[in-house]
């Protein structure tokens, strides 16, 4: 799986676009991209039903996390 993902980064460009819309002043680094995609990726890779994924809660949790990074 690691080799497959390492061959082509298909997530970063889209993630950067989303993160830049949320906060254009904050750089969209690897950590933010991982926090954005990680929970949904885990859900899908663990075989759970995608229809049961609460995307609204994931988005709220992600945005709360961004707010907690404010200095």
N, C-alpha and C. Protein backbone atom coordinates (compact mmCIF):
# COMPACT_ATOMS: atom_id res chain seq x y z
N UNK A 1 0.83 -1.18 0.00
CA UNK A 1 0.00 0.00 0.00
C UNK A 1 0.87 1.25 0.00
N UNK A 2 1.92 1.25 0.82
CA UNK A 2 2.80 2.42 0.90
C UNK A 2 3.40 2.73 -0.46
N UNK A 3 3.83 1.68 -1.18
CA UNK A 3 4.43 1.90 -2.51
C UNK A 3 3.41 2.48 -3.48
N UNK A 4 2.18 2.00 -3.40
CA UNK A 4 1.12 2.51 -4.28
C UNK A 4 0.89 3.99 -4.05
N UNK A 5 0.78 4.36 -2.80
CA UNK A 5 0.53 5.76 -2.47
C UNK A 5 1.75 6.62 -2.81
N UNK A 6 2.94 6.07 -2.61
CA UNK A 6 4.16 6.84 -2.87
C UNK A 6 4.41 7.09 -4.35
N UNK A 7 3.82 6.28 -5.23
CA UNK A 7 4.07 6.45 -6.66
C UNK A 7 3.43 7.70 -7.22
N UNK A 8 2.30 8.10 -6.69
CA UNK A 8 1.63 9.30 -7.18
C UNK A 8 0.82 9.90 -6.04
N UNK A 9 1.09 11.14 -5.75
CA UNK A 9 0.38 11.83 -4.69
C UNK A 9 -0.91 12.41 -5.25
N UNK A 10 -1.98 11.64 -5.13
CA UNK A 10 -3.26 12.06 -5.70
C UNK A 10 -4.10 12.89 -4.73
N UNK A 11 -3.69 12.98 -3.49
CA UNK A 11 -4.48 13.68 -2.49
C UNK A 11 -4.03 15.10 -2.21
N UNK A 12 -2.75 15.37 -2.29
CA UNK A 12 -2.23 16.66 -1.83
C UNK A 12 -2.81 17.87 -2.55
N UNK A 13 -2.91 17.81 -3.86
CA UNK A 13 -3.40 18.97 -4.61
C UNK A 13 -4.82 19.33 -4.19
N UNK A 14 -5.69 18.33 -4.10
CA UNK A 14 -7.07 18.59 -3.68
C UNK A 14 -7.14 19.06 -2.24
N UNK A 15 -6.34 18.44 -1.38
CA UNK A 15 -6.33 18.83 0.02
C UNK A 15 -5.83 20.27 0.18
N UNK A 16 -4.81 20.63 -0.56
CA UNK A 16 -4.29 21.99 -0.49
C UNK A 16 -5.35 23.00 -0.92
N UNK A 17 -6.11 22.66 -1.95
CA UNK A 17 -7.18 23.56 -2.40
C UNK A 17 -8.22 23.75 -1.31
N UNK A 18 -8.62 22.67 -0.66
CA UNK A 18 -9.60 22.75 0.43
C UNK A 18 -9.05 23.57 1.59
N UNK A 19 -7.82 23.26 2.00
CA UNK A 19 -7.22 23.95 3.14
C UNK A 19 -6.99 25.43 2.84
N UNK A 20 -6.65 25.76 1.61
CA UNK A 20 -6.47 27.17 1.25
C UNK A 20 -7.78 27.93 1.26
N UNK A 21 -8.88 27.26 0.97
CA UNK A 21 -10.20 27.91 1.08
C UNK A 21 -10.57 28.15 2.54
N UNK A 22 -10.22 27.20 3.40
CA UNK A 22 -10.55 27.34 4.82
C UNK A 22 -9.76 28.48 5.43
N UNK A 23 -8.46 28.52 5.16
CA UNK A 23 -7.61 29.55 5.76
C UNK A 23 -6.44 29.83 4.82
N UNK A 24 -6.60 30.82 3.93
CA UNK A 24 -5.55 31.11 2.95
C UNK A 24 -4.21 31.52 3.58
N UNK A 25 -4.23 32.01 4.80
CA UNK A 25 -3.00 32.46 5.45
C UNK A 25 -2.20 31.31 6.06
N UNK A 26 -2.83 30.16 6.21
CA UNK A 26 -2.16 29.00 6.84
C UNK A 26 -1.63 28.06 5.77
N UNK A 27 -0.35 27.75 5.81
CA UNK A 27 0.19 26.81 4.81
C UNK A 27 -0.43 25.42 4.97
N UNK A 28 -0.69 24.78 3.84
CA UNK A 28 -1.28 23.44 3.85
C UNK A 28 -0.17 22.40 3.84
N UNK A 29 0.36 22.10 5.00
CA UNK A 29 1.46 21.14 5.12
C UNK A 29 0.98 19.71 5.25
N UNK A 30 1.92 18.80 5.33
CA UNK A 30 1.61 17.37 5.41
C UNK A 30 0.75 17.03 6.63
N UNK A 31 1.02 17.69 7.75
CA UNK A 31 0.25 17.37 8.96
C UNK A 31 -1.22 17.74 8.78
N UNK A 32 -1.49 18.91 8.23
CA UNK A 32 -2.88 19.33 8.01
C UNK A 32 -3.56 18.42 7.00
N UNK A 33 -2.85 18.05 5.95
CA UNK A 33 -3.41 17.15 4.94
C UNK A 33 -3.73 15.79 5.57
N UNK A 34 -2.84 15.29 6.39
CA UNK A 34 -3.08 14.02 7.07
C UNK A 34 -4.28 14.08 8.00
N UNK A 35 -4.44 15.19 8.70
CA UNK A 35 -5.58 15.35 9.60
C UNK A 35 -6.89 15.47 8.83
N UNK A 36 -6.80 16.04 7.63
CA UNK A 36 -8.00 16.17 6.81
C UNK A 36 -8.44 14.82 6.25
N UNK A 37 -7.52 14.05 5.70
CA UNK A 37 -7.86 12.79 5.04
C UNK A 37 -7.77 11.57 5.93
N UNK A 38 -7.00 11.62 6.99
CA UNK A 38 -6.76 10.45 7.81
C UNK A 38 -7.99 9.71 8.30
N UNK A 39 -8.93 10.41 8.95
CA UNK A 39 -10.10 9.69 9.48
C UNK A 39 -10.94 9.00 8.40
N UNK A 40 -11.18 9.69 7.29
CA UNK A 40 -11.98 9.07 6.22
C UNK A 40 -11.21 7.92 5.56
N UNK A 41 -9.91 8.09 5.39
CA UNK A 41 -9.08 7.05 4.81
C UNK A 41 -9.10 5.80 5.70
N UNK A 42 -8.94 6.00 7.01
CA UNK A 42 -9.00 4.88 7.95
C UNK A 42 -10.34 4.17 7.85
N UNK A 43 -11.41 4.94 7.81
CA UNK A 43 -12.75 4.37 7.75
C UNK A 43 -12.88 3.46 6.54
N UNK A 44 -12.47 3.97 5.39
CA UNK A 44 -12.59 3.18 4.16
C UNK A 44 -11.68 1.98 4.13
N UNK A 45 -10.44 2.15 4.56
CA UNK A 45 -9.48 1.05 4.52
C UNK A 45 -9.78 -0.04 5.53
N UNK A 46 -10.55 0.28 6.56
CA UNK A 46 -10.88 -0.73 7.55
C UNK A 46 -12.16 -1.50 7.19
N UNK A 47 -12.74 -1.19 6.03
CA UNK A 47 -13.88 -1.96 5.54
C UNK A 47 -15.22 -1.51 6.06
N UNK A 48 -15.27 -0.39 6.72
CA UNK A 48 -16.55 0.11 7.22
C UNK A 48 -17.40 0.63 6.06
N UNK A 49 -18.69 0.68 6.29
CA UNK A 49 -19.64 1.14 5.28
C UNK A 49 -19.50 2.65 5.08
N UNK A 50 -19.11 3.11 3.89
CA UNK A 50 -18.94 4.55 3.66
C UNK A 50 -20.22 5.35 3.93
N UNK A 51 -21.37 4.73 3.74
CA UNK A 51 -22.64 5.43 3.98
C UNK A 51 -22.82 5.78 5.46
N UNK A 52 -22.11 5.09 6.34
CA UNK A 52 -22.25 5.32 7.77
C UNK A 52 -21.25 6.35 8.30
N UNK A 53 -20.37 6.86 7.45
CA UNK A 53 -19.38 7.84 7.87
C UNK A 53 -20.05 9.19 8.07
N UNK A 54 -19.89 9.75 9.24
CA UNK A 54 -20.48 11.06 9.55
C UNK A 54 -19.52 12.16 9.10
N UNK A 55 -19.64 12.55 7.84
CA UNK A 55 -18.73 13.54 7.28
C UNK A 55 -18.88 14.91 7.93
N UNK A 56 -20.08 15.23 8.38
CA UNK A 56 -20.29 16.51 9.06
C UNK A 56 -19.50 16.55 10.37
N UNK A 57 -19.51 15.46 11.11
CA UNK A 57 -18.75 15.41 12.36
C UNK A 57 -17.25 15.44 12.08
N UNK A 58 -16.81 14.74 11.05
CA UNK A 58 -15.40 14.80 10.69
C UNK A 58 -14.98 16.23 10.37
N UNK A 59 -15.80 16.94 9.62
CA UNK A 59 -15.49 18.33 9.26
C UNK A 59 -15.45 19.22 10.50
N UNK A 60 -16.44 19.06 11.39
CA UNK A 60 -16.46 19.86 12.62
C UNK A 60 -15.22 19.58 13.47
N UNK A 61 -14.87 18.31 13.59
CA UNK A 61 -13.70 17.92 14.37
C UNK A 61 -12.43 18.50 13.76
N UNK A 62 -12.31 18.45 12.44
CA UNK A 62 -11.14 19.00 11.77
C UNK A 62 -11.03 20.50 12.02
N UNK A 63 -12.14 21.21 11.88
CA UNK A 63 -12.12 22.66 12.09
C UNK A 63 -11.83 23.02 13.54
N UNK A 64 -12.36 22.23 14.48
CA UNK A 64 -12.03 22.46 15.90
C UNK A 64 -10.53 22.29 16.11
N UNK A 65 -9.95 21.29 15.49
CA UNK A 65 -8.51 21.05 15.59
C UNK A 65 -7.70 22.20 15.03
N UNK A 66 -8.15 22.77 13.93
CA UNK A 66 -7.47 23.93 13.36
C UNK A 66 -7.52 25.09 14.33
N UNK A 67 -8.68 25.28 14.96
CA UNK A 67 -8.82 26.38 15.93
C UNK A 67 -7.93 26.20 17.13
N UNK A 68 -7.69 24.95 17.53
CA UNK A 68 -6.85 24.71 18.71
C UNK A 68 -5.38 24.96 18.41
N UNK A 69 -5.03 25.07 17.12
CA UNK A 69 -3.65 25.35 16.74
C UNK A 69 -3.34 26.83 16.75
N UNK A 70 -4.36 27.66 16.93
CA UNK A 70 -4.15 29.11 16.96
C UNK A 70 -3.24 29.46 18.12
N UNK A 71 -2.32 30.40 17.90
CA UNK A 71 -1.45 30.81 18.99
C UNK A 71 -1.81 32.17 19.47
